[in-house]
Amino acid sequence: MENKYCKFLLSGLSFHQKNVRFCTTLQLGRIISEYEEKPKELAQKILSTRKDVRDNIEKGIIPNGCLDCIYKNNEFEDTDKITRIDLYYWYHCNCGCFYCSYRDETKGEFSDKEKEGNPIIYDTIKELYKLGEIDKDNLMVNFGGGELGVLKEYPKLVKLFLKNNVKNIWCETSGIKYSDALAKALEKGKAGLSIAICSGCPETYKKIKNRDKYKQVLNNLKKYVKAAGKCKTNSDNTSRVISKYIILQGFNNNKDEIDKWLIDSVNIGIRQVEISMEFCWGIHTKKGQKVEEYNYELFDYTEKRCNQLGLVLKKNETSLAIMNEGIY
């Protein structure tokens, strides 16, 4: 099929803030609905649109939003079932990261108060399960967008996925508020999480996140590691709790901060860490510019220190792609 489609064109479903679509890469994709329908109607519209896309594919017609997508490949997954659901449909957060790609929408505001995101989504997914349209044994779920800890329907969604034998729930979280629902999923070996702590001390954390919560986040990371360790089916389950470090110029782009971050990670029982350059904010502010040399140096240094400390290092894939190109 020569790079015409992405893997999840039919098997993926992505709930965004303003619409639901098939695209799971935050690109254009094909928009299904802007949430005008009731849950049962929306579920039916998802099914009919999937059929329409399949019919077009057989005729060689590619969705317009997919034509110039950078994620096109030969891994087209022809399936009648949904195997991936992305939940990126809310902005509300309890952290004020200066680099956040949603700052235009949130105006830099953040709060610990729980808020509803879009309750129709829970009922729509429940209906899709009822109709047998979700591949229960192979479903991968990704939570992103705002902060899941202050998303009111988050525990209910996790419970729904666990009840239906989800394969994995991947979560991006600030880690400021501990989630019992996420801990339960970790205990069952059905979840993984990443917390972008981006620092090795309270002072740097506060400058980046606009919250004085460094020690609280470390404590919650430790509790998540403990929950993951209770899993009886996966002896390596604790490695699914990841501490992430995004390199930010003028804030933490130095070896001393990375050393403190890695040592703190070891001390609280973290087994896997992730290193990333800042690409969301960077692409908007530095488009066309060369990738700074310190990114390459710090990636290499982090790898060296992880080997010495016995940590598993994950290198952010998008960062590597940008660094290989050499420009934002």
C-alpha atoms as a PDB file:
ATOM      1  CA  MET A   1       0.000   0.000   0.000  1.00  0.00           C
ATOM      2  CA  GLU A   2       3.103   2.207  -0.253  1.00  0.00           C
ATOM      3  CA  ASN A   3       2.816   4.582   2.697  1.00  0.00           C
ATOM      4  CA  LYS A   4      -0.785   5.554   2.078  1.00  0.00           C
ATOM      5  CA  TYR A   5      -2.234   4.693   5.442  1.00  0.00           C
ATOM      6  CA  CYS A   6      -1.414   4.620   9.114  1.00  0.00           C
ATOM      7  CA  LYS A   7      -1.808   1.525  11.266  1.00  0.00           C
ATOM      8  CA  PHE A   8      -4.827   2.825  13.153  1.00  0.00           C
ATOM      9  CA  LEU A   9      -6.911   4.270  10.320  1.00  0.00           C
ATOM     10  CA  LEU A  10      -9.747   1.851  11.051  1.00  0.00           C
ATOM     11  CA  SER A  11      -8.726   0.243  14.335  1.00  0.00           C
ATOM     12  CA  GLY A  12      -8.148   3.498  16.232  1.00  0.00           C
ATOM     13  CA  LEU A  13     -10.578   5.915  17.840  1.00  0.00           C
ATOM     14  CA  SER A  14      -9.506   9.259  19.252  1.00  0.00           C
ATOM     15  CA  PHE A  15     -11.599  11.504  21.487  1.00  0.00           C
ATOM     16  CA  HIS A  16     -10.332  15.084  21.322  1.00  0.00           C
ATOM     17  CA  GLN A  17     -11.591  18.221  23.045  1.00  0.00           C
ATOM     18  CA  LYS A  18     -13.740  19.401  20.153  1.00  0.00           C
ATOM     19  CA  ASN A  19     -14.415  16.223  18.184  1.00  0.00           C
ATOM     20  CA  VAL A  20     -13.988  12.492  17.862  1.00  0.00           C
ATOM     21  CA  ARG A  21     -11.931  11.134  14.971  1.00  0.00           C
ATOM     22  CA  PHE A  22      -9.983   8.088  13.853  1.00  0.00           C
ATOM     23  CA  CYS A  23      -6.612   9.803  13.981  1.00  0.00           C
ATOM     24  CA  THR A  24      -4.545   8.779  17.008  1.00  0.00           C
ATOM     25  CA  THR A  25      -1.500  10.935  16.214  1.00  0.00           C
ATOM     26  CA  LEU A  26      -2.996  14.384  16.910  1.00  0.00           C
ATOM     27  CA  GLN A  27      -2.836  15.084  13.175  1.00  0.00           C
ATOM     28  CA  LEU A  28      -5.837  15.858  10.973  1.00  0.00           C
ATOM     29  CA  GLY A  29      -7.406  12.503  10.209  1.00  0.00           C
ATOM     30  CA  ARG A  30     -11.101  12.149   9.509  1.00  0.00           C
ATOM     31  CA  ILE A  31     -13.455  13.914  11.920  1.00  0.00           C
ATOM     32  CA  ILE A  32     -16.444  11.757  12.833  1.00  0.00           C
ATOM     33  CA  SER A  33     -18.451  14.096  15.029  1.00  0.00           C
ATOM     34  CA  GLU A  34     -18.305  17.261  17.104  1.00  0.00           C
ATOM     35  CA  TYR A  35     -20.338  15.631  19.872  1.00  0.00           C
ATOM     36  CA  GLU A  36     -23.758  16.854  18.717  1.00  0.00           C
ATOM     37  CA  GLU A  37     -25.319  13.396  19.156  1.00  0.00           C
ATOM     38  CA  LYS A  38     -26.410  11.396  22.167  1.00  0.00           C
ATOM     39  CA  PRO A  39     -24.140   8.431  23.133  1.00  0.00           C
ATOM     40  CA  LYS A  40     -26.065   5.728  21.249  1.00  0.00           C
ATOM     41  CA  GLU A  41     -26.307   7.933  18.158  1.00  0.00           C
ATOM     42  CA  LEU A  42     -22.618   8.790  18.358  1.00  0.00           C
ATOM     43  CA  ALA A  43     -21.691   5.104  18.623  1.00  0.00           C
ATOM     44  CA  GLN A  44     -23.723   4.354  15.494  1.00  0.00           C
ATOM     45  CA  LYS A  45     -22.114   7.274  13.667  1.00  0.00           C
ATOM     46  CA  ILE A  46     -18.673   5.926  14.542  1.00  0.00           C
ATOM     47  CA  LEU A  47     -19.630   2.568  13.038  1.00  0.00           C
ATOM     48  CA  SER A  48     -21.128   4.020   9.871  1.00  0.00           C
ATOM     49  CA  THR A  49     -18.123   6.306   9.327  1.00  0.00           C
ATOM     50  CA  ARG A  50     -15.734   3.374   9.779  1.00  0.00           C
ATOM     51  CA  LYS A  51     -17.682   1.516   7.091  1.00  0.00           C
ATOM     52  CA  ASP A  52     -17.524   4.546   4.818  1.00  0.00           C
ATOM     53  CA  VAL A  53     -13.737   4.819   5.252  1.00  0.00           C
ATOM     54  CA  ARG A  54     -13.322   1.091   4.590  1.00  0.00           C
ATOM     55  CA  ASP A  55     -15.392   1.347   1.391  1.00  0.00           C
ATOM     56  CA  ASN A  56     -13.271   4.291   0.234  1.00  0.00           C
ATOM     57  CA  ILE A  57     -10.039   2.429   0.957  1.00  0.00           C
ATOM     58  CA  GLU A  58     -11.210  -0.412  -1.287  1.00  0.00           C
ATOM     59  CA  LYS A  59     -11.697   2.198  -4.013  1.00  0.00           C
ATOM     60  CA  GLY A  60      -8.244   3.678  -3.353  1.00  0.00           C
ATOM     61  CA  ILE A  61      -9.609   6.863  -1.804  1.00  0.00           C
ATOM     62  CA  ILE A  62      -7.543   8.201   1.105  1.00  0.00           C
ATOM     63  CA  PRO A  63      -9.086  10.556   3.719  1.00  0.00           C
ATOM     64  CA  ASN A  64      -7.998  14.132   2.940  1.00  0.00           C
ATOM     65  CA  GLY A  65      -6.486  14.714   6.355  1.00  0.00           C
ATOM     66  CA  CYS A  66      -4.239  11.675   5.912  1.00  0.00           C
ATOM     67  CA  LEU A  67      -2.616  12.668   2.627  1.00  0.00           C
ATOM     68  CA  ASP A  68       0.324  14.637   4.068  1.00  0.00           C
ATOM     69  CA  CYS A  69       0.547  12.931   7.445  1.00  0.00           C
ATOM     70  CA  ILE A  70       4.105  12.227   8.614  1.00  0.00           C
ATOM     71  CA  TYR A  71       2.961   8.985  10.273  1.00  0.00           C
ATOM     72  CA  LYS A  72       1.899   7.190   7.100  1.00  0.00           C
ATOM     73  CA  ASN A  73       3.429   3.728   6.809  1.00  0.00           C
ATOM     74  CA  ASN A  74       2.785   0.267   5.465  1.00  0.00           C
ATOM     75  CA  GLU A  75       1.225  -1.078   8.660  1.00  0.00           C
ATOM     76  CA  PHE A  76      -2.404  -0.703   7.677  1.00  0.00           C
ATOM     77  CA  GLU A  77      -4.463  -2.707  10.156  1.00  0.00           C
ATOM     78  CA  ASP A  78      -7.550  -4.053   8.438  1.00  0.00           C
ATOM     79  CA  THR A  79      -9.853  -4.998  11.284  1.00  0.00           C
ATOM     80  CA  ASP A  80     -13.531  -4.940  12.153  1.00  0.00           C
ATOM     81  CA  LYS A  81     -12.752  -4.124  15.780  1.00  0.00           C
ATOM     82  CA  ILE A  82     -11.414  -1.074  17.584  1.00  0.00           C
ATOM     83  CA  THR A  83      -8.032  -1.908  19.140  1.00  0.00           C
ATOM     84  CA  ARG A  84      -6.917   1.548  20.301  1.00  0.00           C
ATOM     85  CA  ILE A  85      -8.732   4.374  22.062  1.00  0.00           C
ATOM     86  CA  ASP A  86      -7.069   7.722  22.796  1.00  0.00           C
ATOM     87  CA  LEU A  87      -8.658  10.025  25.370  1.00  0.00           C
ATOM     88  CA  TYR A  88      -7.337  13.561  24.897  1.00  0.00           C
ATOM     89  CA  TYR A  89     -10.585  15.413  25.386  1.00  0.00           C
ATOM     90  CA  TRP A  90     -10.060  17.800  28.315  1.00  0.00           C
ATOM     91  CA  TYR A  91      -7.744  20.745  29.077  1.00  0.00           C
ATOM     92  CA  HIS A  92      -8.156  21.087  32.849  1.00  0.00           C
ATOM     93  CA  CYS A  93      -4.931  20.460  34.786  1.00  0.00           C
ATOM     94  CA  ASN A  94      -3.455  20.871  38.254  1.00  0.00           C
ATOM     95  CA  CYS A  95      -0.030  21.825  36.955  1.00  0.00           C
ATOM     96  CA  GLY A  96       1.165  25.026  35.290  1.00  0.00           C
ATOM     97  CA  CYS A  97       4.034  23.860  33.059  1.00  0.00           C
ATOM     98  CA  PHE A  98       5.277  26.871  31.113  1.00  0.00           C
ATOM     99  CA  TYR A  99       5.867  24.754  27.992  1.00  0.00           C
ATOM    100  CA  CYS A 100       2.404  23.141  27.903  1.00  0.00           C
ATOM    101  CA  SER A 101       0.906  22.986  24.406  1.00  0.00           C
ATOM    102  CA  TYR A 102      -2.545  23.746  25.888  1.00  0.00           C
ATOM    103  CA  ARG A 103      -1.601  27.088  27.478  1.00  0.00           C
ATOM    104  CA  ASP A 104      -3.517  29.003  24.805  1.00  0.00           C
ATOM    105  CA  GLU A 105      -6.684  27.153  25.791  1.00  0.00           C
ATOM    106  CA  THR A 106      -6.146  27.255  29.554  1.00  0.00           C
ATOM    107  CA  LYS A 107      -4.590  30.755  29.616  1.00  0.00           C
ATOM    108  CA  GLY A 108      -2.053  29.321  32.015  1.00  0.00           C
ATOM    109  CA  GLU A 109      -4.695  28.618  34.653  1.00  0.00           C
ATOM    110  CA  PHE A 110      -4.609  25.433  36.722  1.00  0.00           C
ATOM    111  CA  SER A 111      -6.455  24.052  39.711  1.00  0.00           C
ATOM    112  CA  ASP A 112      -6.667  21.004  41.990  1.00  0.00           C
ATOM    113  CA  LYS A 113     -10.462  21.051  41.691  1.00  0.00           C
ATOM    114  CA  GLU A 114     -12.058  18.051  39.972  1.00  0.00           C
ATOM    115  CA  LYS A 115     -14.013  18.847  36.798  1.00  0.00           C
ATOM    116  CA  GLU A 116     -15.992  16.871  34.260  1.00  0.00           C
ATOM    117  CA  GLY A 117     -14.419  16.558  30.855  1.00  0.00           C
ATOM    118  CA  ASN A 118     -17.177  15.241  28.603  1.00  0.00           C
ATOM    119  CA  PRO A 119     -19.417  12.591  30.245  1.00  0.00           C
ATOM    120  CA  ILE A 120     -20.909  11.572  26.883  1.00  0.00           C
ATOM    121  CA  ILE A 121     -17.648   9.782  26.100  1.00  0.00           C
ATOM    122  CA  TYR A 122     -18.043   7.209  28.873  1.00  0.00           C
ATOM    123  CA  ASP A 123     -21.538   6.315  27.659  1.00  0.00           C
ATOM    124  CA  THR A 124     -20.362   6.142  24.043  1.00  0.00           C
ATOM    125  CA  ILE A 125     -17.542   3.720  24.865  1.00  0.00           C
ATOM    126  CA  LYS A 126     -19.925   1.670  26.984  1.00  0.00           C
ATOM    127  CA  GLU A 127     -22.284   1.456  23.992  1.00  0.00           C
ATOM    128  CA  LEU A 128     -19.436   0.385  21.683  1.00  0.00           C
ATOM    129  CA  TYR A 129     -18.623  -2.421  24.114  1.00  0.00           C
ATOM    130  CA  LYS A 130     -22.289  -3.429  24.156  1.00  0.00           C
ATOM    131  CA  LEU A 131     -22.341  -3.557  20.364  1.00  0.00           C
ATOM    132  CA  GLY A 132     -19.238  -5.759  20.328  1.00  0.00           C
ATOM    133  CA  GLU A 133     -17.203  -3.237  18.326  1.00  0.00           C
ATOM    134  CA  ILE A 134     -14.208  -3.147  20.686  1.00  0.00           C
ATOM    135  CA  ASP A 135     -11.548  -5.865  20.664  1.00  0.00           C
ATOM    136  CA  LYS A 136     -11.558  -6.504  24.431  1.00  0.00           C
ATOM    137  CA  ASP A 137      -8.467  -8.686  24.615  1.00  0.00           C
ATOM    138  CA  ASN A 138      -6.273  -6.385  22.534  1.00  0.00           C
ATOM    139  CA  LEU A 139      -7.525  -2.889  23.383  1.00  0.00           C
ATOM    140  CA  MET A 140      -4.854  -0.286  24.140  1.00  0.00           C
ATOM    141  CA  VAL A 141      -6.040   2.926  25.861  1.00  0.00           C
ATOM    142  CA  ASN A 142      -4.096   6.181  26.126  1.00  0.00           C
ATOM    143  CA  PHE A 143      -4.988   8.988  28.527  1.00  0.00           C
ATOM    144  CA  GLY A 144      -3.534  12.430  27.769  1.00  0.00           C
ATOM    145  CA  GLY A 145      -4.716  15.990  27.336  1.00  0.00           C
ATOM    146  CA  GLY A 146      -5.234  17.628  30.729  1.00  0.00           C
ATOM    147  CA  GLU A 147      -4.574  15.952  34.077  1.00  0.00           C
ATOM    148  CA  LEU A 148      -6.340  12.643  34.725  1.00  0.00           C
ATOM    149  CA  GLY A 149      -6.149  13.156  38.502  1.00  0.00           C
ATOM    150  CA  VAL A 150      -8.678  16.002  38.286  1.00  0.00           C
ATOM    151  CA  LEU A 151     -10.831  14.458  35.551  1.00  0.00           C
ATOM    152  CA  LYS A 152     -14.053  13.599  37.356  1.00  0.00           C
ATOM    153  CA  GLU A 153     -14.994  10.606  35.193  1.00  0.00           C
ATOM    154  CA  TYR A 154     -11.484   9.106  35.111  1.00  0.00           C
ATOM    155  CA  PRO A 155     -12.085   6.427  37.817  1.00  0.00           C
ATOM    156  CA  LYS A 156     -15.325   5.388  36.107  1.00  0.00           C
ATOM    157  CA  LEU A 157     -13.589   5.041  32.742  1.00  0.00           C
ATOM    158  CA  VAL A 158     -10.759   2.968  34.219  1.00  0.00           C
ATOM    159  CA  LYS A 159     -13.269   0.703  35.932  1.00  0.00           C
ATOM    160  CA  LEU A 160     -15.111   0.212  32.621  1.00  0.00           C
ATOM    161  CA  PHE A 161     -11.909  -0.761  30.807  1.00  0.00           C
ATOM    162  CA  LEU A 162     -10.769  -3.114  33.572  1.00  0.00           C
ATOM    163  CA  LYS A 163     -14.186  -4.788  33.665  1.00  0.00           C
ATOM    164  CA  ASN A 164     -13.819  -5.520  29.951  1.00  0.00           C
ATOM    165  CA  ASN A 165     -10.314  -6.995  30.209  1.00  0.00           C
ATOM    166  CA  VAL A 166      -8.408  -4.107  28.580  1.00  0.00           C
ATOM    167  CA  LYS A 167      -4.893  -5.057  27.501  1.00  0.00           C
ATOM    168  CA  ASN A 168      -3.236  -1.849  28.709  1.00  0.00           C
ATOM    169  CA  ILE A 169      -4.086   1.669  29.894  1.00  0.00           C
ATOM    170  CA  TRP A 170      -1.265   4.147  29.334  1.00  0.00           C
ATOM    171  CA  CYS A 171      -1.455   7.372  31.348  1.00  0.00           C
ATOM    172  CA  GLU A 172       0.361  10.705  31.243  1.00  0.00           C
ATOM    173  CA  THR A 173      -0.078  12.368  34.643  1.00  0.00           C
ATOM    174  CA  SER A 174       1.403  15.240  36.628  1.00  0.00           C
ATOM    175  CA  GLY A 175       1.572  12.967  39.654  1.00  0.00           C
ATOM    176  CA  ILE A 176       0.439  15.756  41.984  1.00  0.00           C
ATOM    177  CA  LYS A 177      -2.783  13.989  42.905  1.00  0.00           C
ATOM    178  CA  TYR A 178      -2.575  10.277  43.686  1.00  0.00           C
ATOM    179  CA  SER A 179      -5.157   8.194  41.818  1.00  0.00           C
ATOM    180  CA  ASP A 180      -6.542   5.078  43.501  1.00  0.00           C
ATOM    181  CA  ALA A 181      -8.052   4.024  40.154  1.00  0.00           C
ATOM    182  CA  LEU A 182      -4.661   4.151  38.438  1.00  0.00           C
ATOM    183  CA  ALA A 183      -3.037   2.290  41.337  1.00  0.00           C
ATOM    184  CA  LYS A 184      -5.659  -0.462  41.043  1.00  0.00           C
ATOM    185  CA  ALA A 185      -4.946  -0.813  37.309  1.00  0.00           C
ATOM    186  CA  LEU A 186      -1.211  -1.022  38.057  1.00  0.00           C
ATOM    187  CA  GLU A 187      -1.804  -3.765  40.624  1.00  0.00           C
ATOM    188  CA  LYS A 188      -3.658  -5.773  37.978  1.00  0.00           C
ATOM    189  CA  GLY A 189      -0.810  -5.340  35.479  1.00  0.00           C
ATOM    190  CA  LYS A 190      -3.141  -3.454  33.150  1.00  0.00           C
ATOM    191  CA  ALA A 191      -1.577   0.021  33.200  1.00  0.00           C
ATOM    192  CA  GLY A 192       1.571   2.058  32.787  1.00  0.00           C
ATOM    193  CA  LEU A 193       2.258   5.699  33.556  1.00  0.00           C
ATOM    194  CA  SER A 194       4.670   8.504  32.895  1.00  0.00           C
ATOM    195  CA  ILE A 195       5.243  11.541  35.102  1.00  0.00           C
ATOM    196  CA  ALA A 196       7.254  14.383  33.566  1.00  0.00           C
ATOM    197  CA  ILE A 197       9.058  15.592  36.665  1.00  0.00           C
ATOM    198  CA  CYS A 198      11.762  17.343  34.596  1.00  0.00           C
ATOM    199  CA  SER A 199      13.873  18.195  37.636  1.00  0.00           C
ATOM    200  CA  GLY A 200      16.025  16.916  40.437  1.00  0.00           C
ATOM    201  CA  CYS A 201      15.123  19.371  43.176  1.00  0.00           C
ATOM    202  CA  PRO A 202      12.109  21.378  44.458  1.00  0.00           C
ATOM    203  CA  GLU A 203      13.479  24.703  43.205  1.00  0.00           C
ATOM    204  CA  THR A 204      13.803  23.637  39.560  1.00  0.00           C
ATOM    205  CA  TYR A 205      10.470  21.831  39.675  1.00  0.00           C
ATOM    206  CA  LYS A 206       8.690  24.962  40.899  1.00  0.00           C
ATOM    207  CA  LYS A 207      10.272  27.135  38.176  1.00  0.00           C
ATOM    208  CA  ILE A 208       9.089  24.747  35.458  1.00  0.00           C
ATOM    209  CA  LYS A 209       5.730  23.619  36.850  1.00  0.00           C
ATOM    210  CA  ASN A 210       4.622  26.687  38.815  1.00  0.00           C
ATOM    211  CA  ARG A 211       3.761  24.320  41.700  1.00  0.00           C
ATOM    212  CA  ASP A 212       5.738  23.629  44.850  1.00  0.00           C
ATOM    213  CA  LYS A 213       4.948  19.897  44.718  1.00  0.00           C
ATOM    214  CA  TYR A 214       8.246  18.152  43.977  1.00  0.00           C
ATOM    215  CA  LYS A 215       8.350  16.035  47.153  1.00  0.00           C
ATOM    216  CA  GLN A 216       4.655  15.192  46.823  1.00  0.00           C
ATOM    217  CA  VAL A 217       5.179  13.943  43.261  1.00  0.00           C
ATOM    218  CA  LEU A 218       8.181  11.842  44.334  1.00  0.00           C
ATOM    219  CA  ASN A 219       6.084  10.323  47.112  1.00  0.00           C
ATOM    220  CA  ASN A 220       3.261   9.496  44.694  1.00  0.00           C
ATOM    221  CA  LEU A 221       5.739   7.956  42.253  1.00  0.00           C
ATOM    222  CA  LYS A 222       6.977   5.764  45.100  1.00  0.00           C
ATOM    223  CA  LYS A 223       3.393   4.710  45.908  1.00  0.00           C
ATOM    224  CA  TYR A 224       2.719   3.858  42.253  1.00  0.00           C
ATOM    225  CA  VAL A 225       5.887   1.729  42.146  1.00  0.00           C
ATOM    226  CA  LYS A 226       4.654  -0.104  45.235  1.00  0.00           C
ATOM    227  CA  ALA A 227       1.221  -0.663  43.641  1.00  0.00           C
ATOM    228  CA  ALA A 228       2.816  -1.971  40.441  1.00  0.00           C
ATOM    229  CA  GLY A 229       4.947  -4.328  42.510  1.00  0.00           C
ATOM    230  CA  LYS A 230       1.817  -6.041  43.835  1.00  0.00           C
ATOM    231  CA  CYS A 231       1.038  -7.442  40.386  1.00  0.00           C
ATOM    232  CA  LYS A 232       1.185 -11.241  40.512  1.00  0.00           C
ATOM    233  CA  THR A 233       1.292 -11.824  36.757  1.00  0.00           C
ATOM    234  CA  ASN A 234       4.284  -9.655  35.798  1.00  0.00           C
ATOM    235  CA  SER A 235       7.478  -9.675  37.850  1.00  0.00           C
ATOM    236  CA  ASP A 236       8.795  -6.672  35.875  1.00  0.00           C
ATOM    237  CA  ASN A 237       5.632  -4.610  36.352  1.00  0.00           C
ATOM    238  CA  THR A 238       7.359  -1.825  38.322  1.00  0.00           C
ATOM    239  CA  SER A 239       9.245  -0.806  35.156  1.00  0.00           C
ATOM    240  CA  ARG A 240       5.913   0.498  33.814  1.00  0.00           C
ATOM    241  CA  VAL A 241       6.101   3.439  36.227  1.00  0.00           C
ATOM    242  CA  ILE A 242       8.289   5.929  34.368  1.00  0.00           C
ATOM    243  CA  SER A 243       9.861   9.173  35.558  1.00  0.00           C
ATOM    244  CA  LYS A 244      10.314  11.506  32.585  1.00  0.00           C
ATOM    245  CA  TYR A 245      12.755  14.357  32.060  1.00  0.00           C
ATOM    246  CA  ILE A 246      12.085  16.924  29.335  1.00  0.00           C
ATOM    247  CA  ILE A 247      15.163  19.026  28.588  1.00  0.00           C
ATOM    248  CA  LEU A 248      14.281  22.715  28.881  1.00  0.00           C
ATOM    249  CA  GLN A 249      16.783  25.382  27.931  1.00  0.00           C
ATOM    250  CA  GLY A 250      17.680  27.688  30.799  1.00  0.00           C
ATOM    251  CA  PHE A 251      15.917  25.506  33.367  1.00  0.00           C
ATOM    252  CA  ASN A 252      17.346  21.997  33.509  1.00  0.00           C
ATOM    253  CA  ASN A 253      19.651  21.519  30.525  1.00  0.00           C
ATOM    254  CA  ASN A 254      22.658  20.561  32.636  1.00  0.00           C
ATOM    255  CA  LYS A 255      24.257  17.380  33.912  1.00  0.00           C
ATOM    256  CA  ASP A 256      23.963  18.255  37.608  1.00  0.00           C
ATOM    257  CA  GLU A 257      20.150  18.418  37.435  1.00  0.00           C
ATOM    258  CA  ILE A 258      20.001  15.163  35.486  1.00  0.00           C
ATOM    259  CA  ASP A 259      22.216  13.467  38.077  1.00  0.00           C
ATOM    260  CA  LYS A 260      19.940  14.566  40.925  1.00  0.00           C
ATOM    261  CA  TRP A 261      16.867  13.377  39.002  1.00  0.00           C
ATOM    262  CA  LEU A 262      18.374   9.957  38.319  1.00  0.00           C
ATOM    263  CA  ILE A 263      19.561   9.451  41.896  1.00  0.00           C
ATOM    264  CA  ASP A 264      16.143  10.431  43.268  1.00  0.00           C
ATOM    265  CA  SER A 265      14.588   7.964  40.821  1.00  0.00           C
ATOM    266  CA  VAL A 266      16.797   5.136  42.106  1.00  0.00           C
ATOM    267  CA  ASN A 267      16.086   6.036  45.733  1.00  0.00           C
ATOM    268  CA  ILE A 268      12.294   5.749  45.333  1.00  0.00           C
ATOM    269  CA  GLY A 269      12.451   2.473  43.414  1.00  0.00           C
ATOM    270  CA  ILE A 270      11.987   3.673  39.821  1.00  0.00           C
ATOM    271  CA  ARG A 271      13.376   1.159  37.332  1.00  0.00           C
ATOM    272  CA  GLN A 272      12.747   2.960  34.025  1.00  0.00           C
ATOM    273  CA  VAL A 273      13.211   6.622  33.085  1.00  0.00           C
ATOM    274  CA  GLU A 274      12.591   8.573  29.895  1.00  0.00           C
ATOM    275  CA  ILE A 275      14.604  11.418  28.399  1.00  0.00           C
ATOM    276  CA  SER A 276      13.035  13.833  25.913  1.00  0.00           C
ATOM    277  CA  MET A 277      13.793  17.123  24.253  1.00  0.00           C
ATOM    278  CA  GLU A 278      11.050  19.746  24.348  1.00  0.00           C
ATOM    279  CA  PHE A 279       9.451  19.435  20.923  1.00  0.00           C
ATOM    280  CA  CYS A 280       5.810  20.601  21.296  1.00  0.00           C
ATOM    281  CA  TRP A 281       6.707  24.102  22.450  1.00  0.00           C
ATOM    282  CA  GLY A 282       9.976  23.959  20.524  1.00  0.00           C
ATOM    283  CA  ILE A 283       8.364  23.262  17.159  1.00  0.00           C
ATOM    284  CA  HIS A 284       6.093  26.300  17.573  1.00  0.00           C
ATOM    285  CA  THR A 285       8.826  28.672  18.735  1.00  0.00           C
ATOM    286  CA  LYS A 286      11.873  27.334  16.880  1.00  0.00           C
ATOM    287  CA  LYS A 287      10.494  25.934  13.629  1.00  0.00           C
ATOM    288  CA  GLY A 288      13.258  25.629  11.036  1.00  0.00           C
ATOM    289  CA  GLN A 289      16.023  26.192  13.583  1.00  0.00           C
ATOM    290  CA  LYS A 290      18.791  23.723  14.343  1.00  0.00           C
ATOM    291  CA  VAL A 291      18.357  21.366  17.265  1.00  0.00           C
ATOM    292  CA  GLU A 292      20.636  22.598  20.051  1.00  0.00           C
ATOM    293  CA  GLU A 293      23.794  20.586  20.658  1.00  0.00           C
ATOM    294  CA  TYR A 294      23.061  20.201  24.365  1.00  0.00           C
ATOM    295  CA  ASN A 295      20.181  17.841  23.533  1.00  0.00           C
ATOM    296  CA  TYR A 296      22.568  15.344  21.957  1.00  0.00           C
ATOM    297  CA  GLU A 297      25.098  15.718  24.777  1.00  0.00           C
ATOM    298  CA  LEU A 298      22.505  15.246  27.511  1.00  0.00           C
ATOM    299  CA  PHE A 299      20.903  12.249  25.804  1.00  0.00           C
ATOM    300  CA  ASP A 300      24.339  10.590  25.698  1.00  0.00           C
ATOM    301  CA  TYR A 301      25.131  11.576  29.273  1.00  0.00           C
ATOM    302  CA  THR A 302      21.799  10.251  30.557  1.00  0.00           C
ATOM    303  CA  GLU A 303      22.396   6.936  28.813  1.00  0.00           C
ATOM    304  CA  LYS A 304      25.850   6.663  30.387  1.00  0.00           C
ATOM    305  CA  ARG A 305      24.537   7.442  33.892  1.00  0.00           C
ATOM    306  CA  CYS A 306      21.592   5.043  33.534  1.00  0.00           C
ATOM    307  CA  ASN A 307      24.003   2.243  32.663  1.00  0.00           C
ATOM    308  CA  GLN A 308      26.021   3.071  35.767  1.00  0.00           C
ATOM    309  CA  LEU A 309      22.941   3.250  38.026  1.00  0.00           C
ATOM    310  CA  GLY A 310      21.191   0.173  36.644  1.00  0.00           C
ATOM    311  CA  LEU A 311      18.243   2.111  35.220  1.00  0.00           C
ATOM    312  CA  VAL A 312      16.429   1.256  31.993  1.00  0.00           C
ATOM    313  CA  LEU A 313      16.436   4.298  29.695  1.00  0.00           C
ATOM    314  CA  LYS A 314      13.675   5.094  27.239  1.00  0.00           C
ATOM    315  CA  LYS A 315      14.555   7.692  24.616  1.00  0.00           C
ATOM    316  CA  ASN A 316      11.521   9.595  23.413  1.00  0.00           C
ATOM    317  CA  GLU A 317      10.821   8.506  19.829  1.00  0.00           C
ATOM    318  CA  THR A 318       9.599  11.882  18.554  1.00  0.00           C
ATOM    319  CA  SER A 319      12.688  13.526  20.033  1.00  0.00           C
ATOM    320  CA  LEU A 320      14.947  11.037  18.278  1.00  0.00           C
ATOM    321  CA  ALA A 321      13.211  11.651  14.947  1.00  0.00           C
ATOM    322  CA  ILE A 322      13.682  15.422  15.274  1.00  0.00           C
ATOM    323  CA  MET A 323      17.267  15.056  16.445  1.00  0.00           C
ATOM    324  CA  ASN A 324      18.055  12.777  13.498  1.00  0.00           C
ATOM    325  CA  GLU A 325      16.726  15.462  11.152  1.00  0.00           C
ATOM    326  CA  GLY A 326      18.712  18.094  13.040  1.00  0.00           C
ATOM    327  CA  ILE A 327      16.041  20.809  12.800  1.00  0.00           C
ATOM    328  CA  TYR A 328      12.768  21.625  14.532  1.00  0.00           C
END
